[in-house]
Amino acid sequence: MIVAAFNEESYILDTLRALDDQRFDSVLHRRVFDGFRVIVVDNNSTDRTADIVREHIASGPRFPVELISEREKGCGYAVDTATRYAIATGATFIARTDADTLPEPDWLAEILRPLYAGKRLVGGRLRARDDEGLTNRVFNVIGNGWRLGHVLEWYRTRNEPDQNRRSFAICGPNMAFDAEVYELSGGFPRASMDDTDEDLVFHRRVRALVGADGIALAPKAVVRISLRRLHEVGVREFVAWYGEKERDTTGKKVDIR
């Protein structure tokens, strides 16, 4: 389980506690429980993020937590470093979330099920956190139409080359994949989030290898995310930025912490 963090002192402890509260049913328990660990990659934070992680480690959490670092700033750099570290130290399956999220207690079990069934890349559902006001509640109401979004995504990409087609987006706060497909595909691009959508690039790389049948949605795997970027820039700018193919052309401040 990897978590990339940059200046997350206000959020990361809640995320680590949510990960420590993960539960597994009897089928997955023997396979997952003993091997589950959290790897936090600090992406050159200037606040107390790393100290908070160290304090959490010292408190004796239920699951092991490791803290590593990546000094080259950018989510792509951080998640690639953490993933390759996880693989080098024995990981077969890797799940990923962000440092400002609240995964539901059964999230890890649900996101891993398709991998144990033979899928290579899995995405789950995103819901807004409950502690950020009315905008988040509206976001969740709109999010109940997620199936329509999948249809629209399929329609938008239907005429593109096969590796670029998709019916749902796999996003960094809620995904899992196996070690072999990560290495064969080239993994996440080592780049800034201003320059590229590292999740989309990885999705396309994996699809080029395994096709649509190797990628799955786990609708019961739910992660609650912060909408701080939406609160900072507003709905119109938020939607426009996520719609840009070349992020560095938007002129927007996107690395909001």
C-alpha atoms as a PDB file:
ATOM      1  CA  MET A   1       0.000   0.000   0.000  1.00  0.00           C
ATOM      2  CA  ILE A   2       1.662   3.245  -1.120  1.00  0.00           C
ATOM      3  CA  VAL A   3       0.846   6.823  -0.144  1.00  0.00           C
ATOM      4  CA  ALA A   4       2.597   9.799  -1.731  1.00  0.00           C
ATOM      5  CA  ALA A   5       2.713  12.884   0.488  1.00  0.00           C
ATOM      6  CA  PHE A   6       3.757  16.501   0.071  1.00  0.00           C
ATOM      7  CA  ASN A   7       2.945  18.987   2.858  1.00  0.00           C
ATOM      8  CA  GLU A   8       0.066  16.919   4.213  1.00  0.00           C
ATOM      9  CA  GLU A   9       0.389  17.672   7.925  1.00  0.00           C
ATOM     10  CA  SER A  10      -3.330  18.506   8.181  1.00  0.00           C
ATOM     11  CA  TYR A  11      -4.520  15.266   6.583  1.00  0.00           C
ATOM     12  CA  ILE A  12      -2.044  12.412   6.683  1.00  0.00           C
ATOM     13  CA  LEU A  13      -2.671  11.169  10.209  1.00  0.00           C
ATOM     14  CA  ASP A  14      -6.363  10.607   9.429  1.00  0.00           C
ATOM     15  CA  THR A  15      -5.352   8.714   6.295  1.00  0.00           C
ATOM     16  CA  LEU A  16      -2.903   6.510   8.180  1.00  0.00           C
ATOM     17  CA  ARG A  17      -5.504   5.753  10.839  1.00  0.00           C
ATOM     18  CA  ALA A  18      -8.045   4.824   8.158  1.00  0.00           C
ATOM     19  CA  LEU A  19      -5.522   2.441   6.601  1.00  0.00           C
ATOM     20  CA  ASP A  20      -4.790   0.933  10.009  1.00  0.00           C
ATOM     21  CA  ASP A  21      -8.529   0.257  10.394  1.00  0.00           C
ATOM     22  CA  GLN A  22      -8.716  -1.889   7.242  1.00  0.00           C
ATOM     23  CA  ARG A  23     -10.507  -5.207   7.695  1.00  0.00           C
ATOM     24  CA  PHE A  24     -10.431  -8.367   5.609  1.00  0.00           C
ATOM     25  CA  ASP A  25     -12.915 -11.218   5.336  1.00  0.00           C
ATOM     26  CA  SER A  26     -11.956 -14.852   5.869  1.00  0.00           C
ATOM     27  CA  VAL A  27     -11.142 -15.451   2.200  1.00  0.00           C
ATOM     28  CA  LEU A  28      -8.594 -12.665   1.899  1.00  0.00           C
ATOM     29  CA  HIS A  29      -7.483 -12.558   5.524  1.00  0.00           C
ATOM     30  CA  ARG A  30      -4.747 -15.205   5.316  1.00  0.00           C
ATOM     31  CA  ARG A  31      -3.402 -13.809   2.027  1.00  0.00           C
ATOM     32  CA  VAL A  32      -3.430 -10.125   2.884  1.00  0.00           C
ATOM     33  CA  PHE A  33      -3.290  -9.543   6.616  1.00  0.00           C
ATOM     34  CA  ASP A  34       0.218 -10.839   7.286  1.00  0.00           C
ATOM     35  CA  GLY A  35       1.746  -9.111   4.259  1.00  0.00           C
ATOM     36  CA  PHE A  36      -0.030  -5.752   4.366  1.00  0.00           C
ATOM     37  CA  ARG A  37       2.204  -2.748   4.974  1.00  0.00           C
ATOM     38  CA  VAL A  38       1.954   0.966   4.275  1.00  0.00           C
ATOM     39  CA  ILE A  39       4.759   2.764   2.446  1.00  0.00           C
ATOM     40  CA  VAL A  40       4.635   6.550   2.705  1.00  0.00           C
ATOM     41  CA  VAL A  41       6.853   8.440   0.278  1.00  0.00           C
ATOM     42  CA  ASP A  42       7.550  11.970   1.436  1.00  0.00           C
ATOM     43  CA  ASN A  43       7.952  14.163  -1.644  1.00  0.00           C
ATOM     44  CA  ASN A  44      10.274  16.762  -0.073  1.00  0.00           C
ATOM     45  CA  SER A  45       7.715  18.229   2.330  1.00  0.00           C
ATOM     46  CA  THR A  46       8.518  21.470   4.108  1.00  0.00           C
ATOM     47  CA  ASP A  47       6.007  21.021   6.943  1.00  0.00           C
ATOM     48  CA  ARG A  48       5.596  18.333   9.645  1.00  0.00           C
ATOM     49  CA  THR A  49       4.389  15.584   7.306  1.00  0.00           C
ATOM     50  CA  ALA A  50       7.421  13.323   7.805  1.00  0.00           C
ATOM     51  CA  ASP A  51       7.449  13.931  11.575  1.00  0.00           C
ATOM     52  CA  ILE A  52       3.780  12.954  11.843  1.00  0.00           C
ATOM     53  CA  VAL A  53       4.435   9.732   9.941  1.00  0.00           C
ATOM     54  CA  ARG A  54       7.380   8.929  12.233  1.00  0.00           C
ATOM     55  CA  GLU A  55       5.217   9.600  15.296  1.00  0.00           C
ATOM     56  CA  HIS A  56       2.545   7.279  13.910  1.00  0.00           C
ATOM     57  CA  ILE A  57       5.164   4.568  13.358  1.00  0.00           C
ATOM     58  CA  ALA A  58       6.423   5.014  16.922  1.00  0.00           C
ATOM     59  CA  SER A  59       2.876   4.667  18.276  1.00  0.00           C
ATOM     60  CA  GLY A  60       2.798   0.991  17.225  1.00  0.00           C
ATOM     61  CA  PRO A  61       0.106   0.834  14.530  1.00  0.00           C
ATOM     62  CA  ARG A  62      -1.661  -2.436  13.761  1.00  0.00           C
ATOM     63  CA  PHE A  63       0.007  -2.655  10.347  1.00  0.00           C
ATOM     64  CA  PRO A  64       3.667  -1.812   9.612  1.00  0.00           C
ATOM     65  CA  VAL A  65       4.388   1.626   8.162  1.00  0.00           C
ATOM     66  CA  GLU A  66       7.584   2.592   6.345  1.00  0.00           C
ATOM     67  CA  LEU A  67       8.696   6.102   5.442  1.00  0.00           C
ATOM     68  CA  ILE A  68      10.867   6.723   2.384  1.00  0.00           C
ATOM     69  CA  SER A  69      11.600   9.893   0.437  1.00  0.00           C
ATOM     70  CA  GLU A  70      11.707  11.232  -3.117  1.00  0.00           C
ATOM     71  CA  ARG A  71      13.273  14.657  -3.443  1.00  0.00           C
ATOM     72  CA  GLU A  72      12.273  15.295  -7.073  1.00  0.00           C
ATOM     73  CA  LYS A  73       8.960  17.089  -6.681  1.00  0.00           C
ATOM     74  CA  GLY A  74       6.041  15.620  -8.589  1.00  0.00           C
ATOM     75  CA  CYS A  75       3.435  12.961  -7.942  1.00  0.00           C
ATOM     76  CA  GLY A  76       4.709  10.803 -10.805  1.00  0.00           C
ATOM     77  CA  TYR A  77       8.198  10.781  -9.317  1.00  0.00           C
ATOM     78  CA  ALA A  78       6.916   9.955  -5.839  1.00  0.00           C
ATOM     79  CA  VAL A  79       4.544   7.127  -6.717  1.00  0.00           C
ATOM     80  CA  ASP A  80       7.043   5.531  -9.094  1.00  0.00           C
ATOM     81  CA  THR A  81       9.747   5.582  -6.419  1.00  0.00           C
ATOM     82  CA  ALA A  82       7.381   4.096  -3.826  1.00  0.00           C
ATOM     83  CA  THR A  83       6.069   1.429  -6.178  1.00  0.00           C
ATOM     84  CA  ARG A  84       9.506   0.290  -7.267  1.00  0.00           C
ATOM     85  CA  TYR A  85      10.612   0.216  -3.630  1.00  0.00           C
ATOM     86  CA  ALA A  86       7.576  -1.931  -2.762  1.00  0.00           C
ATOM     87  CA  ILE A  87       8.327  -4.345  -5.590  1.00  0.00           C
ATOM     88  CA  ALA A  88      12.029  -4.535  -4.734  1.00  0.00           C
ATOM     89  CA  THR A  89      11.118  -5.452  -1.150  1.00  0.00           C
ATOM     90  CA  GLY A  90       8.730  -8.253  -2.097  1.00  0.00           C
ATOM     91  CA  ALA A  91       5.333  -6.780  -2.992  1.00  0.00           C
ATOM     92  CA  THR A  92       3.210  -8.775  -5.451  1.00  0.00           C
ATOM     93  CA  PHE A  93       0.150  -6.512  -5.406  1.00  0.00           C
ATOM     94  CA  ILE A  94       0.296  -2.759  -4.831  1.00  0.00           C
ATOM     95  CA  ALA A  95      -2.608  -0.527  -3.862  1.00  0.00           C
ATOM     96  CA  ARG A  96      -2.405   3.243  -3.920  1.00  0.00           C
ATOM     97  CA  THR A  97      -4.226   6.127  -2.290  1.00  0.00           C
ATOM     98  CA  ASP A  98      -3.446   9.759  -1.523  1.00  0.00           C
ATOM     99  CA  ALA A  99      -2.397  11.392   1.739  1.00  0.00           C
ATOM    100  CA  ASP A 100      -5.645  13.347   2.163  1.00  0.00           C
ATOM    101  CA  THR A 101      -8.101  10.460   1.789  1.00  0.00           C
ATOM    102  CA  LEU A 102     -10.279   8.327   4.045  1.00  0.00           C
ATOM    103  CA  PRO A 103     -10.530   4.798   2.608  1.00  0.00           C
ATOM    104  CA  GLU A 104     -13.578   2.855   3.786  1.00  0.00           C
ATOM    105  CA  PRO A 105     -12.713  -0.002   6.192  1.00  0.00           C
ATOM    106  CA  ASP A 106     -13.223  -2.701   3.534  1.00  0.00           C
ATOM    107  CA  TRP A 107     -11.509  -0.718   0.778  1.00  0.00           C
ATOM    108  CA  LEU A 108      -8.317  -2.752   0.511  1.00  0.00           C
ATOM    109  CA  ALA A 109     -10.143  -6.086   0.475  1.00  0.00           C
ATOM    110  CA  GLU A 110     -12.484  -4.866  -2.272  1.00  0.00           C
ATOM    111  CA  ILE A 111      -9.782  -3.300  -4.469  1.00  0.00           C
ATOM    112  CA  LEU A 112      -7.668  -6.491  -4.262  1.00  0.00           C
ATOM    113  CA  ARG A 113     -10.419  -8.997  -5.105  1.00  0.00           C
ATOM    114  CA  PRO A 114     -10.186  -8.512  -8.890  1.00  0.00           C
ATOM    115  CA  LEU A 115      -6.386  -8.871  -8.763  1.00  0.00           C
ATOM    116  CA  TYR A 116      -6.710 -12.257  -7.067  1.00  0.00           C
ATOM    117  CA  ALA A 117      -9.204 -13.149  -9.829  1.00  0.00           C
ATOM    118  CA  GLY A 118      -6.613 -12.401 -12.526  1.00  0.00           C
ATOM    119  CA  LYS A 119      -7.111  -8.715 -13.378  1.00  0.00           C
ATOM    120  CA  ARG A 120      -3.980  -6.586 -13.714  1.00  0.00           C
ATOM    121  CA  LEU A 121      -5.195  -3.046 -12.927  1.00  0.00           C
ATOM    122  CA  VAL A 122      -8.200  -2.133 -10.781  1.00  0.00           C
ATOM    123  CA  GLY A 123      -9.925   1.136  -9.953  1.00  0.00           C
ATOM    124  CA  GLY A 124     -12.536   1.918  -7.318  1.00  0.00           C
ATOM    125  CA  ARG A 125     -15.064   4.662  -6.616  1.00  0.00           C
ATOM    126  CA  LEU A 126     -14.329   8.114  -5.232  1.00  0.00           C
ATOM    127  CA  ARG A 127     -16.627   9.931  -2.831  1.00  0.00           C
ATOM    128  CA  ALA A 128     -16.053  13.304  -1.198  1.00  0.00           C
ATOM    129  CA  ARG A 129     -15.108  13.543   2.466  1.00  0.00           C
ATOM    130  CA  ASP A 130     -17.928  14.413   4.860  1.00  0.00           C
ATOM    131  CA  ASP A 131     -16.010  17.137   6.690  1.00  0.00           C
ATOM    132  CA  GLU A 132     -15.576  19.826   4.004  1.00  0.00           C
ATOM    133  CA  GLY A 133     -19.024  21.380   3.724  1.00  0.00           C
ATOM    134  CA  LEU A 134     -21.958  21.627   1.341  1.00  0.00           C
ATOM    135  CA  THR A 135     -19.943  21.432  -1.886  1.00  0.00           C
ATOM    136  CA  ASN A 136     -18.792  17.948  -0.952  1.00  0.00           C
ATOM    137  CA  ARG A 137     -22.342  16.813  -0.279  1.00  0.00           C
ATOM    138  CA  VAL A 138     -23.422  18.112  -3.686  1.00  0.00           C
ATOM    139  CA  PHE A 139     -20.452  16.335  -5.271  1.00  0.00           C
ATOM    140  CA  ASN A 140     -21.628  13.058  -3.727  1.00  0.00           C
ATOM    141  CA  VAL A 141     -25.179  13.527  -4.961  1.00  0.00           C
ATOM    142  CA  ILE A 142     -23.912  14.118  -8.487  1.00  0.00           C
ATOM    143  CA  GLY A 143     -21.535  11.190  -8.073  1.00  0.00           C
ATOM    144  CA  ASN A 144     -24.463   8.832  -7.709  1.00  0.00           C
ATOM    145  CA  GLY A 145     -24.714   9.028 -11.492  1.00  0.00           C
ATOM    146  CA  TRP A 146     -21.314   7.343 -11.929  1.00  0.00           C
ATOM    147  CA  ARG A 147     -22.693   4.788 -14.404  1.00  0.00           C
ATOM    148  CA  LEU A 148     -23.677   7.607 -16.748  1.00  0.00           C
ATOM    149  CA  GLY A 149     -20.143   8.924 -16.477  1.00  0.00           C
ATOM    150  CA  HIS A 150     -18.815   5.556 -17.589  1.00  0.00           C
ATOM    151  CA  VAL A 151     -21.052   5.636 -20.662  1.00  0.00           C
ATOM    152  CA  LEU A 152     -19.865   9.140 -21.517  1.00  0.00           C
ATOM    153  CA  GLU A 153     -16.221   8.122 -21.078  1.00  0.00           C
ATOM    154  CA  TRP A 154     -16.740   5.157 -23.392  1.00  0.00           C
ATOM    155  CA  TYR A 155     -18.436   7.391 -25.970  1.00  0.00           C
ATOM    156  CA  ARG A 156     -15.705  10.035 -25.784  1.00  0.00           C
ATOM    157  CA  THR A 157     -12.904   7.530 -26.404  1.00  0.00           C
ATOM    158  CA  ARG A 158     -14.717   5.054 -28.683  1.00  0.00           C
ATOM    159  CA  ASN A 159     -12.848   6.069 -31.859  1.00  0.00           C
ATOM    160  CA  GLU A 160      -9.387   6.308 -30.342  1.00  0.00           C
ATOM    161  CA  PRO A 161      -6.703   3.594 -30.625  1.00  0.00           C
ATOM    162  CA  ASP A 162      -7.477   0.626 -28.410  1.00  0.00           C
ATOM    163  CA  GLN A 163      -4.987   1.522 -25.677  1.00  0.00           C
ATOM    164  CA  ASN A 164      -6.637   4.949 -25.298  1.00  0.00           C
ATOM    165  CA  ARG A 165     -10.208   3.708 -24.973  1.00  0.00           C
ATOM    166  CA  ARG A 166     -11.831   3.389 -21.569  1.00  0.00           C
ATOM    167  CA  SER A 167     -15.237   3.270 -19.950  1.00  0.00           C
ATOM    168  CA  PHE A 168     -14.116   4.518 -16.533  1.00  0.00           C
ATOM    169  CA  ALA A 169     -11.206   6.486 -15.134  1.00  0.00           C
ATOM    170  CA  ILE A 170      -8.747   4.863 -12.745  1.00  0.00           C
ATOM    171  CA  CYS A 171      -7.575   7.557 -10.357  1.00  0.00           C
ATOM    172  CA  GLY A 172      -4.576   7.702  -8.039  1.00  0.00           C
ATOM    173  CA  PRO A 173      -6.528   7.868  -4.765  1.00  0.00           C
ATOM    174  CA  ASN A 174      -8.133   4.489  -5.489  1.00  0.00           C
ATOM    175  CA  MET A 175      -6.259   1.929  -7.546  1.00  0.00           C
ATOM    176  CA  ALA A 176      -4.364  -1.365  -7.360  1.00  0.00           C
ATOM    177  CA  PHE A 177      -2.188  -3.355  -9.752  1.00  0.00           C
ATOM    178  CA  ASP A 178       0.261  -6.228  -9.813  1.00  0.00           C
ATOM    179  CA  ALA A 179       4.029  -5.888  -9.728  1.00  0.00           C
ATOM    180  CA  GLU A 180       4.656  -7.639 -13.033  1.00  0.00           C
ATOM    181  CA  VAL A 181       2.356  -5.424 -15.087  1.00  0.00           C
ATOM    182  CA  TYR A 182       3.868  -2.353 -13.471  1.00  0.00           C
ATOM    183  CA  GLU A 183       7.366  -3.262 -14.541  1.00  0.00           C
ATOM    184  CA  LEU A 184       6.369  -4.456 -18.018  1.00  0.00           C
ATOM    185  CA  SER A 185       4.328  -1.316 -18.717  1.00  0.00           C
ATOM    186  CA  GLY A 186       6.960   1.141 -17.519  1.00  0.00           C
ATOM    187  CA  GLY A 187       4.787   2.287 -14.614  1.00  0.00           C
ATOM    188  CA  PHE A 188       3.907   5.862 -13.748  1.00  0.00           C
ATOM    189  CA  PRO A 189       5.710   8.566 -15.731  1.00  0.00           C
ATOM    190  CA  ARG A 190       8.288  10.389 -13.665  1.00  0.00           C
ATOM    191  CA  ALA A 191       6.804  13.838 -14.160  1.00  0.00           C
ATOM    192  CA  SER A 192       5.115  16.754 -12.425  1.00  0.00           C
ATOM    193  CA  MET A 193       1.336  16.787 -12.109  1.00  0.00           C
ATOM    194  CA  ASP A 194       1.432  20.150 -13.900  1.00  0.00           C
ATOM    195  CA  ASP A 195       2.799  18.440 -16.998  1.00  0.00           C
ATOM    196  CA  THR A 196       0.893  15.187 -17.293  1.00  0.00           C
ATOM    197  CA  ASP A 197      -1.859  13.041 -15.789  1.00  0.00           C
ATOM    198  CA  GLU A 198       0.256  10.202 -14.440  1.00  0.00           C
ATOM    199  CA  ASP A 199      -2.799   8.039 -13.743  1.00  0.00           C
ATOM    200  CA  LEU A 200      -4.063   8.299 -17.318  1.00  0.00           C
ATOM    201  CA  VAL A 201      -0.621   7.562 -18.758  1.00  0.00           C
ATOM    202  CA  PHE A 202      -0.292   4.463 -16.562  1.00  0.00           C
ATOM    203  CA  HIS A 203      -3.824   3.314 -17.477  1.00  0.00           C
ATOM    204  CA  ARG A 204      -2.972   3.560 -21.170  1.00  0.00           C
ATOM    205  CA  ARG A 205       0.344   1.784 -20.746  1.00  0.00           C
ATOM    206  CA  VAL A 206      -1.308  -1.135 -18.983  1.00  0.00           C
ATOM    207  CA  ARG A 207      -4.183  -1.340 -21.450  1.00  0.00           C
ATOM    208  CA  ALA A 208      -1.694  -1.480 -24.327  1.00  0.00           C
ATOM    209  CA  LEU A 209      -0.298  -4.637 -22.677  1.00  0.00           C
ATOM    210  CA  VAL A 210      -3.356  -6.461 -21.368  1.00  0.00           C
ATOM    211  CA  GLY A 211      -6.339  -4.960 -23.214  1.00  0.00           C
ATOM    212  CA  ALA A 212      -9.668  -4.023 -21.699  1.00  0.00           C
ATOM    213  CA  ASP A 213     -10.192  -7.504 -20.221  1.00  0.00           C
ATOM    214  CA  GLY A 214      -7.213  -7.061 -17.908  1.00  0.00           C
ATOM    215  CA  ILE A 215      -8.617  -3.899 -16.293  1.00  0.00           C
ATOM    216  CA  ALA A 216     -11.513  -3.861 -13.847  1.00  0.00           C
ATOM    217  CA  LEU A 217     -13.718  -1.578 -11.785  1.00  0.00           C
ATOM    218  CA  ALA A 218     -14.334  -2.506  -8.139  1.00  0.00           C
ATOM    219  CA  PRO A 219     -17.465  -0.438  -7.351  1.00  0.00           C
ATOM    220  CA  LYS A 220     -17.513  -1.451  -3.685  1.00  0.00           C
ATOM    221  CA  ALA A 221     -13.958  -0.182  -3.144  1.00  0.00           C
ATOM    222  CA  VAL A 222     -14.691   3.340  -1.894  1.00  0.00           C
ATOM    223  CA  VAL A 223     -12.236   6.083  -0.960  1.00  0.00           C
ATOM    224  CA  ARG A 224     -13.339   9.459   0.364  1.00  0.00           C
ATOM    225  CA  ILE A 225     -11.269  12.297  -1.090  1.00  0.00           C
ATOM    226  CA  SER A 226     -10.628  15.924  -0.230  1.00  0.00           C
ATOM    227  CA  LEU A 227     -12.035  18.497  -2.660  1.00  0.00           C
ATOM    228  CA  ARG A 228      -9.626  21.218  -1.581  1.00  0.00           C
ATOM    229  CA  ARG A 229      -8.591  21.950  -5.169  1.00  0.00           C
ATOM    230  CA  LEU A 230     -12.239  22.522  -6.118  1.00  0.00           C
ATOM    231  CA  HIS A 231     -12.700  24.786  -3.105  1.00  0.00           C
ATOM    232  CA  GLU A 232      -9.576  26.736  -4.074  1.00  0.00           C
ATOM    233  CA  VAL A 233     -10.250  27.361  -7.771  1.00  0.00           C
ATOM    234  CA  GLY A 234     -14.021  26.911  -8.124  1.00  0.00           C
ATOM    235  CA  VAL A 235     -16.108  24.443 -10.104  1.00  0.00           C
ATOM    236  CA  ARG A 236     -15.469  25.897 -13.569  1.00  0.00           C
ATOM    237  CA  GLU A 237     -11.683  26.015 -13.219  1.00  0.00           C
ATOM    238  CA  PHE A 238     -11.652  22.603 -11.515  1.00  0.00           C
ATOM    239  CA  VAL A 239     -13.524  20.946 -14.383  1.00  0.00           C
ATOM    240  CA  ALA A 240     -11.528  22.825 -17.031  1.00  0.00           C
ATOM    241  CA  TRP A 241      -8.206  21.745 -15.582  1.00  0.00           C
ATOM    242  CA  TYR A 242      -9.194  18.071 -15.473  1.00  0.00           C
ATOM    243  CA  GLY A 243     -10.358  18.376 -19.071  1.00  0.00           C
ATOM    244  CA  GLU A 244      -7.046  19.674 -20.401  1.00  0.00           C
ATOM    245  CA  LYS A 245      -4.877  17.310 -22.444  1.00  0.00           C
ATOM    246  CA  GLU A 246      -1.770  19.381 -21.799  1.00  0.00           C
ATOM    247  CA  ARG A 247      -1.894  20.554 -18.212  1.00  0.00           C
ATOM    248  CA  ASP A 248       0.938  23.045 -18.485  1.00  0.00           C
ATOM    249  CA  THR A 249      -1.138  25.116 -20.949  1.00  0.00           C
ATOM    250  CA  THR A 250      -3.838  25.962 -18.415  1.00  0.00           C
ATOM    251  CA  GLY A 251      -1.908  28.542 -16.414  1.00  0.00           C
ATOM    252  CA  LYS A 252      -3.603  27.283 -13.251  1.00  0.00           C
ATOM    253  CA  LYS A 253      -2.087  26.547  -9.888  1.00  0.00           C
ATOM    254  CA  VAL A 254      -2.806  22.846  -9.603  1.00  0.00           C
ATOM    255  CA  ASP A 255      -0.459  21.669  -6.873  1.00  0.00           C
ATOM    256  CA  ILE A 256      -2.703  22.897  -4.089  1.00  0.00           C
ATOM    257  CA  ARG A 257      -1.862  21.672  -0.575  1.00  0.00           C
END
